[in-house]
N, C-alpha and C. Protein backbone atom coordinates (compact mmCIF):
# COMPACT_ATOMS: atom_id res chain seq x y z
N UNK A 1 13.62 -4.12 -0.66
CA UNK A 1 12.95 -3.12 -0.08
C UNK A 1 12.54 -3.56 0.96
N UNK A 2 11.52 -1.97 1.24
CA UNK A 2 11.37 -2.10 2.73
C UNK A 2 10.33 -1.11 3.26
N UNK A 3 9.09 -1.19 3.80
CA UNK A 3 8.59 -0.51 4.06
C UNK A 3 9.01 1.18 4.85
N UNK A 4 10.33 0.86 4.56
CA UNK A 4 11.15 2.35 5.70
C UNK A 4 11.41 3.23 4.68
N UNK A 5 11.52 3.33 3.01
CA UNK A 5 11.96 3.88 2.08
C UNK A 5 9.96 4.30 2.09
N UNK A 6 10.48 6.08 2.25
CA UNK A 6 9.60 6.94 2.37
C UNK A 6 8.68 6.80 1.27
N UNK A 7 8.55 6.84 0.27
CA UNK A 7 7.72 7.11 -0.71
C UNK A 7 6.74 5.90 -0.50
N UNK A 8 7.15 5.15 -0.20
CA UNK A 8 6.00 3.51 -0.48
C UNK A 8 5.41 3.98 1.01
N UNK A 9 5.93 4.09 2.16
CA UNK A 9 5.44 4.67 2.80
C UNK A 9 4.01 4.90 3.12
N UNK A 10 4.47 6.64 2.37
CA UNK A 10 3.24 7.05 1.96
C UNK A 10 2.93 6.95 1.47
N UNK A 11 2.76 6.04 0.15
CA UNK A 11 2.12 5.39 -0.37
C UNK A 11 0.97 4.66 0.29
N UNK A 12 1.34 3.91 1.12
CA UNK A 12 0.99 2.74 1.80
C UNK A 12 -0.26 3.79 2.78
N UNK A 13 0.37 4.39 3.39
CA UNK A 13 -0.42 5.02 4.24
C UNK A 13 -1.65 5.65 3.63
N UNK A 14 -1.41 6.48 2.45
CA UNK A 14 -2.38 6.49 1.72
C UNK A 14 -3.61 5.83 1.24
N UNK A 15 -2.94 4.39 0.28
CA UNK A 15 -3.49 3.45 0.80
C UNK A 15 -4.54 2.96 1.99
N UNK A 16 -4.30 3.02 3.13
CA UNK A 16 -4.80 3.03 4.11
C UNK A 16 -6.05 3.85 4.51
N UNK A 17 -5.67 4.66 4.18
CA UNK A 17 -6.30 6.01 4.31
C UNK A 17 -8.02 5.95 3.51
N UNK A 18 -7.26 5.26 2.40
CA UNK A 18 -8.50 5.84 1.40
C UNK A 18 -9.59 3.98 1.81
N UNK A 19 -8.75 2.98 2.11
CA UNK A 19 -9.73 2.21 2.28
C UNK A 19 -10.11 1.54 3.45
N UNK A 20 -10.15 2.62 4.76
CA UNK A 20 -10.32 2.77 5.87
C UNK A 20 -11.72 4.01 6.02
N UNK A 21 -11.67 4.39 4.51
CA UNK A 21 -12.69 5.31 4.26
C UNK A 21 -13.75 4.45 3.30
N UNK A 22 -13.38 3.49 2.63
CA UNK A 22 -14.32 3.28 1.56
C UNK A 22 -14.04 1.44 1.33
N UNK A 23 -14.19 0.33 2.36
CA UNK A 23 -13.33 -0.51 2.21
C UNK A 23 -13.84 -1.66 1.72
N UNK A 24 -14.23 -1.16 0.81
CA UNK A 24 -14.93 -1.78 -0.83
C UNK A 24 -14.17 -1.83 -2.33
N UNK A 25 -13.16 -0.26 -1.65
CA UNK A 25 -12.61 0.38 -2.79
C UNK A 25 -11.46 -0.81 -3.45
N UNK A 26 -11.27 -0.94 -4.71
CA UNK A 26 -10.42 -2.23 -4.74
C UNK A 26 -9.08 -1.19 -4.51
N UNK A 27 -8.19 -2.04 -4.15
CA UNK A 27 -6.85 -2.38 -3.75
C UNK A 27 -6.33 -1.76 -5.10
N UNK A 28 -6.02 -3.16 -6.33
CA UNK A 28 -5.06 -2.67 -7.28
C UNK A 28 -4.93 -1.21 -8.00
N UNK A 29 -7.01 -0.67 -7.66
CA UNK A 29 -7.00 0.56 -8.47
C UNK A 29 -6.55 1.59 -7.58
N UNK A 30 -6.00 1.65 -6.20
CA UNK A 30 -5.59 2.40 -5.29
C UNK A 30 -4.39 2.10 -4.97
N UNK A 31 -3.72 1.25 -5.96
CA UNK A 31 -2.23 1.09 -5.47
C UNK A 31 -2.28 1.83 -6.88
N UNK A 32 -2.34 1.29 -8.02
CA UNK A 32 -1.48 2.37 -9.16
C UNK A 32 -2.37 3.56 -9.02
N UNK A 33 -3.74 4.50 -7.99
CA UNK A 33 -3.58 5.73 -8.16
C UNK A 33 -2.39 6.15 -7.20
N UNK A 34 -2.17 5.64 -6.23
CA UNK A 34 -0.61 6.24 -5.17
C UNK A 34 0.35 6.09 -6.10
N UNK A 35 0.72 4.89 -6.98
CA UNK A 35 1.86 4.53 -7.40
C UNK A 35 2.29 6.09 -8.47
N UNK A 36 1.17 6.82 -9.73
CA UNK A 36 1.52 7.86 -10.10
C UNK A 36 1.60 9.05 -8.98
N UNK A 37 0.89 8.60 -7.87
CA UNK A 37 0.51 10.05 -6.67
C UNK A 37 2.17 10.95 -6.65
N UNK A 38 2.56 9.01 -5.87
CA UNK A 38 4.40 8.33 -4.50
C UNK A 38 5.40 8.91 -5.87
N UNK A 39 4.96 8.52 -7.22
CA UNK A 39 6.16 8.37 -8.07
C UNK A 39 6.93 6.62 -8.31
N UNK A 40 6.22 5.73 -7.58
CA UNK A 40 6.39 4.85 -7.18
C UNK A 40 6.86 4.11 -8.70
N UNK A 41 7.93 3.12 -8.43
CA UNK A 41 8.54 2.24 -9.53
C UNK A 41 7.68 0.96 -9.40
N UNK A 42 7.47 0.48 -10.95
CA UNK A 42 6.89 -1.32 -11.20
C UNK A 42 7.27 -1.76 -10.03
N UNK A 43 8.08 -2.14 -9.61
CA UNK A 43 9.12 -2.69 -8.86
C UNK A 43 8.11 -2.30 -7.56
N UNK A 44 8.32 -1.02 -6.80
CA UNK A 44 7.70 -0.45 -5.69
C UNK A 44 5.97 -0.64 -5.42
N UNK A 45 5.90 -0.52 -7.02
CA UNK A 45 4.37 -1.06 -6.39
C UNK A 45 3.61 -2.14 -6.87
N UNK A 46 4.82 -2.88 -7.00
CA UNK A 46 4.76 -4.83 -6.72
C UNK A 46 4.69 -5.29 -5.37
N UNK A 47 5.45 -4.35 -4.84
CA UNK A 47 6.16 -4.51 -2.95
C UNK A 47 4.99 -4.21 -2.23
N UNK A 48 4.28 -2.92 -2.58
CA UNK A 48 2.97 -2.42 -1.81
C UNK A 48 1.66 -3.08 -2.10
N UNK A 49 1.53 -3.70 -3.12
CA UNK A 49 0.54 -4.41 -3.98
C UNK A 49 0.62 -5.90 -2.73
N UNK A 50 1.95 -6.96 -2.85
CA UNK A 50 2.17 -7.75 -2.31
C UNK A 50 1.65 -7.45 -0.29
N UNK A 51 2.43 -6.58 -0.42
CA UNK A 51 2.06 -6.38 1.35
C UNK A 51 0.84 -6.21 1.76
N UNK A 52 0.19 -5.43 1.12
CA UNK A 52 -1.02 -5.42 1.80
C UNK A 52 -1.81 -6.78 0.86
N UNK A 53 -1.59 -7.52 0.08
CA UNK A 53 -2.28 -9.35 -0.20
C UNK A 53 -2.11 -9.62 1.33
N UNK A 54 -0.76 -9.85 1.48
CA UNK A 54 -0.15 -10.67 2.70
C UNK A 54 -0.93 -10.45 3.81
N UNK A 55 -0.96 -8.78 3.94
CA UNK A 55 -2.04 -8.93 5.40
C UNK A 55 -3.17 -9.17 5.62
N UNK A 56 -4.14 -8.75 4.06
CA UNK A 56 -5.24 -9.73 3.78
C UNK A 56 -5.31 -10.93 4.08
N UNK A 57 -4.74 -11.71 3.68
CA UNK A 57 -4.58 -12.76 3.92
C UNK A 57 -4.08 -13.27 5.49
N UNK A 58 -3.54 -12.83 5.69
CA UNK A 58 -2.71 -12.68 7.31
C UNK A 58 -4.03 -12.59 8.47
N UNK A 59 -5.28 -12.23 8.14
CA UNK A 59 -6.18 -11.74 8.84
C UNK A 59 -6.39 -10.45 8.58
N UNK A 60 -6.08 -9.87 7.60
CA UNK A 60 -6.71 -8.44 7.65
C UNK A 60 -6.40 -7.24 8.33
N UNK A 61 -5.03 -7.43 8.79
CA UNK A 61 -4.11 -6.55 9.45
C UNK A 61 -3.76 -5.59 7.99
N UNK A 62 -3.00 -4.54 8.60
CA UNK A 62 -2.63 -3.74 8.00
C UNK A 62 -0.92 -3.92 7.59
N UNK A 63 -0.60 -4.05 6.68
CA UNK A 63 1.66 -4.03 7.02
C UNK A 63 1.68 -3.27 8.33
N UNK A 64 2.74 -3.75 8.85
CA UNK A 64 3.09 -2.86 9.86
C UNK A 64 4.21 -2.09 9.48
N UNK A 65 4.26 -0.70 9.75
CA UNK A 65 4.73 0.29 9.26
C UNK A 65 5.75 0.49 10.48
N UNK A 66 7.22 0.67 9.97
CA UNK A 66 8.65 1.28 11.07
C UNK A 66 8.41 2.50 11.16
N UNK A 67 8.31 2.76 12.29
CA UNK A 67 8.89 4.40 12.66
C UNK A 67 9.69 5.32 12.19
């Protein structure tokens, strides 16, 4: 699984936009909402959660999106 998959990529962008608007927003709630909005499978939602978690641990940068 990779960030190159369109539904995951769009969901990630959506979550990042919401976090930019409200940095205190709960990531888990945003991912849950994005999962419904972008029709992610549970595995894709978990992947997205891990990407955001790992980026935060690595210094708060957003996951790198491939063009």
